[in-house]
Protein backbone atom coordinates (compact mmCIF):
# COMPACT_ATOMS: atom_id res chain seq x y z
CA MET A 1 0.00 0.00 0.00
CA ALA A 2 2.82 2.42 0.77
CA GLU A 3 4.08 2.12 -2.83
CA VAL A 4 0.68 3.07 -4.24
CA LEU A 5 0.33 6.05 -1.90
CA ALA A 6 3.88 7.22 -2.56
CA ALA A 7 3.28 7.11 -6.31
CA ASP A 8 0.12 9.25 -6.13
CA PRO A 9 -0.62 11.49 -3.14
CA ASN A 10 -4.29 11.66 -4.18
CA GLU A 11 -4.71 7.89 -4.08
CA LEU A 12 -5.80 7.85 -0.44
CA ARG A 13 -8.57 10.34 -1.21
CA LEU A 14 -9.59 8.35 -4.27
CA LEU A 15 -9.52 5.17 -2.19
CA ALA A 16 -11.86 6.76 0.37
CA GLN A 17 -14.36 7.58 -2.40
CA ALA A 18 -14.00 4.46 -4.57
CA ARG A 19 -17.04 2.27 -5.10
CA MET A 20 -17.42 -1.42 -5.95
CA PRO A 21 -18.32 -1.50 -9.65
CA TYR A 22 -20.05 -4.91 -9.81
CA GLY A 23 -21.60 -7.81 -7.96
CA LYS A 24 -23.74 -8.00 -4.86
CA TYR A 25 -22.13 -4.86 -3.42
CA ALA A 26 -22.14 -2.77 -6.61
CA GLY A 27 -22.19 0.93 -5.80
CA ARG A 28 -21.05 0.50 -2.20
CA LEU A 29 -17.92 2.33 -1.05
CA LEU A 30 -14.97 -0.07 -0.92
CA VAL A 31 -14.33 0.91 2.69
CA ASP A 32 -17.93 -0.09 3.51
CA LEU A 33 -17.63 -3.59 2.05
CA PRO A 34 -18.01 -6.31 4.69
CA GLU A 35 -14.61 -7.39 5.99
CA PRO A 36 -15.27 -11.12 5.35
CA TYR A 37 -16.01 -10.32 1.69
CA VAL A 38 -12.81 -8.30 1.31
CA ILE A 39 -10.80 -11.10 2.92
CA TRP A 40 -12.40 -13.64 0.59
CA LEU A 41 -11.55 -11.51 -2.46
CA VAL A 42 -7.92 -11.15 -1.39
CA ARG A 43 -7.57 -14.88 -0.75
CA ASN A 44 -9.49 -16.17 -3.77
CA GLN A 45 -10.36 -13.78 -6.55
CA LEU A 46 -8.74 -10.36 -6.30
CA PRO A 47 -9.40 -8.45 -9.55
CA GLU A 48 -6.48 -7.21 -11.58
CA GLY A 49 -5.57 -3.59 -12.10
CA GLN A 50 -6.53 -0.53 -10.11
CA LEU A 51 -9.58 -2.14 -8.48
CA GLY A 52 -7.45 -5.03 -7.21
CA GLN A 53 -4.85 -2.62 -5.83
CA ARG A 54 -7.53 -0.59 -4.07
CA LEU A 55 -9.20 -3.69 -2.63
CA LEU A 56 -5.83 -4.85 -1.32
CA ALA A 57 -5.33 -1.45 0.32
CA ILE A 58 -8.85 -1.66 1.83
CA TYR A 59 -7.97 -5.14 3.11
CA GLU A 60 -4.91 -3.77 4.91
CA ILE A 61 -6.93 -0.89 6.33
CA LYS A 62 -9.74 -3.17 7.54
CA VAL A 63 -7.62 -5.90 9.12
CA ASN A 64 -5.71 -3.21 11.02
CA GLY A 65 -8.86 -1.36 12.12
CA LEU A 66 -7.96 1.87 10.35
CA GLU A 67 -11.23 2.63 8.52
CA SER A 68 -11.65 5.87 10.50
CA LEU A 69 -8.59 7.29 8.72
CA LEU A 70 -10.58 7.45 5.47
CA GLU A 71 -13.66 9.18 6.92
CA PRO A 72 -12.28 12.75 6.76
CA LEU A 73 -11.39 12.18 3.09
CA GLN A 74 -14.95 11.30 2.09
CA SER A 75 -17.15 14.08 0.86
CA LYS A 76 -20.56 14.27 2.53
CA GLU A 77 -22.39 13.39 -0.70
CA VAL A 78 -20.25 10.26 -1.24
CA ARG A 79 -21.99 8.27 1.51
């Protein structure tokens, strides 16, 4: 995750506002995905590309209990 954030300072803000584009949780903020679902994705079927990178970052944030760090970066209309 540190590599992604170092490459683009805006990535953390974008991560806080990113939404799941498909599936049962389509439209939900990545940070609001259920932790068991995120863990399952990381272990079994993590998508490639930017979505996969963001889900991996969300995984790290969730398993370390750091979701509150993203709250100030979310605009009020995002939720």
